């Protein structure tokens, strides 16, 4: 996978264009390498995960978010990515497949502040807004912080109305 990626990236560099984003299969192959990295490739592998997998809702993003969620919850591991870093990376994916794991991590005492920080900067919540609202209604302080952040940014009128109701 790495050899093929480097070759394709070099070909595109000769044309003066950046490498293509990784597709779902390349991302899955990358994840296997992240679980057991070849000697000397760690930094490059993490850079590929961070910068060459598109955020959002394509198939590669789904593979990335699933892996990061598994690392954050402890069902997968990588010597290169801690649960904290996995949660931080989930928070950079803009919306889509990262939302549910971030909301679930609001209940994890260790990772909730990181998950909340990511959610505060995520506007593509769709119906998941109600999941954050429900957690806030049950007293989750991190969910309340997320709602307050959205309300302060005037991003979600619903957040303002819900917070008013909580007071």
Protein backbone atom coordinates (compact mmCIF):
# COMPACT_ATOMS: atom_id res chain seq x y z
CA UNK A 1 0.00 0.00 0.00
CA UNK A 2 2.74 2.46 0.94
CA UNK A 3 4.77 1.70 -2.18
CA UNK A 4 1.75 2.17 -4.45
CA UNK A 5 0.77 5.39 -2.66
CA UNK A 6 4.27 6.85 -2.91
CA UNK A 7 4.48 5.98 -6.60
CA UNK A 8 1.10 7.60 -7.37
CA UNK A 9 1.98 10.67 -5.26
CA UNK A 10 5.31 11.04 -7.09
CA UNK A 11 3.59 10.83 -10.49
CA UNK A 12 1.15 13.54 -9.49
CA UNK A 13 3.97 15.68 -8.04
CA UNK A 14 5.68 15.69 -11.46
CA UNK A 15 2.45 17.20 -12.82
CA UNK A 16 2.44 19.80 -10.05
CA UNK A 17 -0.70 18.45 -8.37
CA UNK A 18 -1.19 17.00 -4.88
CA UNK A 19 -1.80 13.31 -4.27
CA UNK A 20 -5.36 12.05 -4.38
CA UNK A 21 -7.16 11.43 -1.08
CA UNK A 22 -7.15 7.84 0.08
CA UNK A 23 -10.13 5.72 -0.88
CA UNK A 24 -11.88 3.32 1.48
CA UNK A 25 -9.66 0.33 0.64
CA UNK A 26 -6.46 2.36 0.98
CA UNK A 27 -7.74 3.70 4.30
CA UNK A 28 -8.48 0.16 5.52
CA UNK A 29 -4.97 -0.91 4.47
CA UNK A 30 -3.53 2.14 6.24
CA UNK A 31 -5.37 1.23 9.42
CA UNK A 32 -3.85 -2.24 9.39
CA UNK A 33 -0.43 -0.61 9.10
CA UNK A 34 -1.26 1.76 11.96
CA UNK A 35 -2.05 -1.22 14.17
CA UNK A 36 1.38 -2.72 13.50
CA UNK A 37 3.54 -0.01 11.90
CA UNK A 38 6.61 -0.90 9.87
CA UNK A 39 9.86 0.40 11.32
CA UNK A 40 10.40 4.08 10.57
CA UNK A 41 6.99 4.66 8.96
CA UNK A 42 5.00 5.84 11.99
CA UNK A 43 5.05 9.56 11.31
CA UNK A 44 4.18 9.05 7.63
CA UNK A 45 1.30 6.71 8.48
CA UNK A 46 -0.23 9.15 10.94
CA UNK A 47 0.19 11.97 8.42
CA UNK A 48 -1.71 9.92 5.83
CA UNK A 49 -4.55 9.29 8.27
CA UNK A 50 -4.74 12.93 9.34
CA UNK A 51 -4.24 14.64 5.99
CA UNK A 52 -5.06 12.23 3.16
CA UNK A 53 -8.42 10.79 4.28
CA UNK A 54 -11.19 13.25 3.49
CA UNK A 55 -13.49 14.38 6.29
CA UNK A 56 -17.23 14.06 5.95
CA UNK A 57 -19.37 11.24 4.68
CA UNK A 58 -17.53 9.32 1.98
CA UNK A 59 -16.56 5.67 2.40
CA UNK A 60 -12.97 6.45 3.42
CA UNK A 61 -14.21 8.81 6.15
CA UNK A 62 -16.45 6.03 7.45
CA UNK A 63 -13.47 3.66 7.70
CA UNK A 64 -11.38 6.35 9.43
CA UNK A 65 -14.11 7.29 11.91
CA UNK A 66 -14.80 3.63 12.75
CA UNK A 67 -11.14 3.02 13.51
CA UNK A 68 -10.73 6.17 15.58
CA UNK A 69 -13.90 5.38 17.53
CA UNK A 70 -12.62 1.87 18.23
CA UNK A 71 -9.29 3.25 19.48
CA UNK A 72 -11.07 5.82 21.65
CA UNK A 73 -13.34 3.22 23.23
CA UNK A 74 -10.50 0.72 23.63
CA UNK A 75 -11.61 -2.07 21.27
CA UNK A 76 -8.72 -1.37 18.86
CA UNK A 77 -5.24 -0.05 19.40
CA UNK A 78 -2.28 1.49 17.65
CA UNK A 79 1.09 2.29 19.15
CA UNK A 80 0.86 5.58 17.23
CA UNK A 81 -2.59 6.80 18.26
CA UNK A 82 -3.80 7.11 21.85
CA UNK A 83 -7.46 7.21 22.85
CA UNK A 84 -7.06 10.95 23.44
CA UNK A 85 -5.54 11.56 20.03
CA UNK A 86 -8.18 9.38 18.35
CA UNK A 87 -10.88 11.48 20.01
CA UNK A 88 -9.14 14.69 18.93
CA UNK A 89 -8.96 13.43 15.34
CA UNK A 90 -12.64 12.50 15.39
CA UNK A 91 -13.30 16.12 16.30
CA UNK A 92 -11.64 17.31 13.09
CA UNK A 93 -13.87 15.36 10.70
CA UNK A 94 -16.52 18.12 10.33
CA UNK A 95 -19.60 15.92 10.64
CA UNK A 96 -20.91 12.63 9.43
CA UNK A 97 -19.51 9.36 10.72
CA UNK A 98 -17.62 11.00 13.59
CA UNK A 99 -20.70 12.45 15.28
CA UNK A 100 -22.11 9.38 17.03
CA UNK A 101 -18.74 8.33 18.54
CA UNK A 102 -18.09 11.87 19.78
CA UNK A 103 -21.51 12.03 21.42
CA UNK A 104 -20.95 8.64 23.07
CA UNK A 105 -17.56 9.83 24.33
CA UNK A 106 -19.29 12.65 26.23
CA UNK A 107 -19.98 9.94 28.83
CA UNK A 108 -16.30 8.99 29.16
CA UNK A 109 -14.79 11.00 32.03
CA UNK A 110 -11.30 10.95 30.51
CA UNK A 111 -12.26 11.74 26.91
CA UNK A 112 -15.40 13.88 27.35
CA UNK A 113 -13.56 17.23 27.39
CA UNK A 114 -11.82 16.35 24.11
CA UNK A 115 -15.04 15.08 22.53
CA UNK A 116 -16.88 18.22 23.65
CA UNK A 117 -14.20 20.42 22.12
CA UNK A 118 -14.63 18.63 18.80
CA UNK A 119 -18.41 18.84 18.92
CA UNK A 120 -18.32 22.54 19.74
CA UNK A 121 -16.73 23.12 16.32
CA UNK A 122 -19.02 20.77 14.43
CA UNK A 123 -22.08 22.25 12.81
CA UNK A 124 -23.13 19.32 10.60
CA UNK A 125 -25.02 17.57 13.39
CA UNK A 126 -28.31 16.82 11.64
CA UNK A 127 -30.65 14.91 13.99
CA UNK A 128 -27.79 14.11 16.37
CA UNK A 129 -28.39 17.50 17.97
CA UNK A 130 -31.17 15.78 19.92
CA UNK A 131 -28.73 13.20 21.29
CA UNK A 132 -26.57 15.97 22.74
CA UNK A 133 -29.72 17.68 24.01
CA UNK A 134 -30.83 14.46 25.73
CA UNK A 135 -27.47 14.02 27.46
CA UNK A 136 -27.57 17.65 28.61
CA UNK A 137 -31.07 17.14 29.94
CA UNK A 138 -29.81 14.20 32.00
CA UNK A 139 -27.13 16.39 33.56
CA UNK A 140 -24.08 15.67 31.38
CA UNK A 141 -21.99 18.80 31.92
CA UNK A 142 -19.98 18.27 28.75
CA UNK A 143 -23.14 18.04 26.64
CA UNK A 144 -24.35 21.27 28.28
CA UNK A 145 -21.03 22.93 27.38
CA UNK A 146 -21.47 21.86 23.76
CA UNK A 147 -25.00 23.26 23.63
CA UNK A 148 -23.84 26.49 25.26
CA UNK A 149 -21.02 26.82 22.74
CA UNK A 150 -23.44 26.40 19.86
CA UNK A 151 -25.86 28.86 21.43
CA UNK A 152 -23.12 31.44 22.02
CA UNK A 153 -22.11 31.22 18.37
CA UNK A 154 -25.71 31.74 17.35
CA UNK A 155 -25.32 28.58 15.31
CA UNK A 156 -28.31 26.69 16.62
CA UNK A 157 -31.44 28.38 17.79
CA UNK A 158 -32.59 25.02 19.18
CA UNK A 159 -29.60 24.97 21.52
CA UNK A 160 -30.57 28.38 22.89
CA UNK A 161 -34.17 27.34 23.42
CA UNK A 162 -33.19 24.11 25.16
CA UNK A 163 -30.69 25.82 27.46
CA UNK A 164 -33.32 28.39 28.39
CA UNK A 165 -35.65 25.52 29.29
CA UNK A 166 -32.94 23.90 31.50
CA UNK A 167 -32.49 27.08 33.55
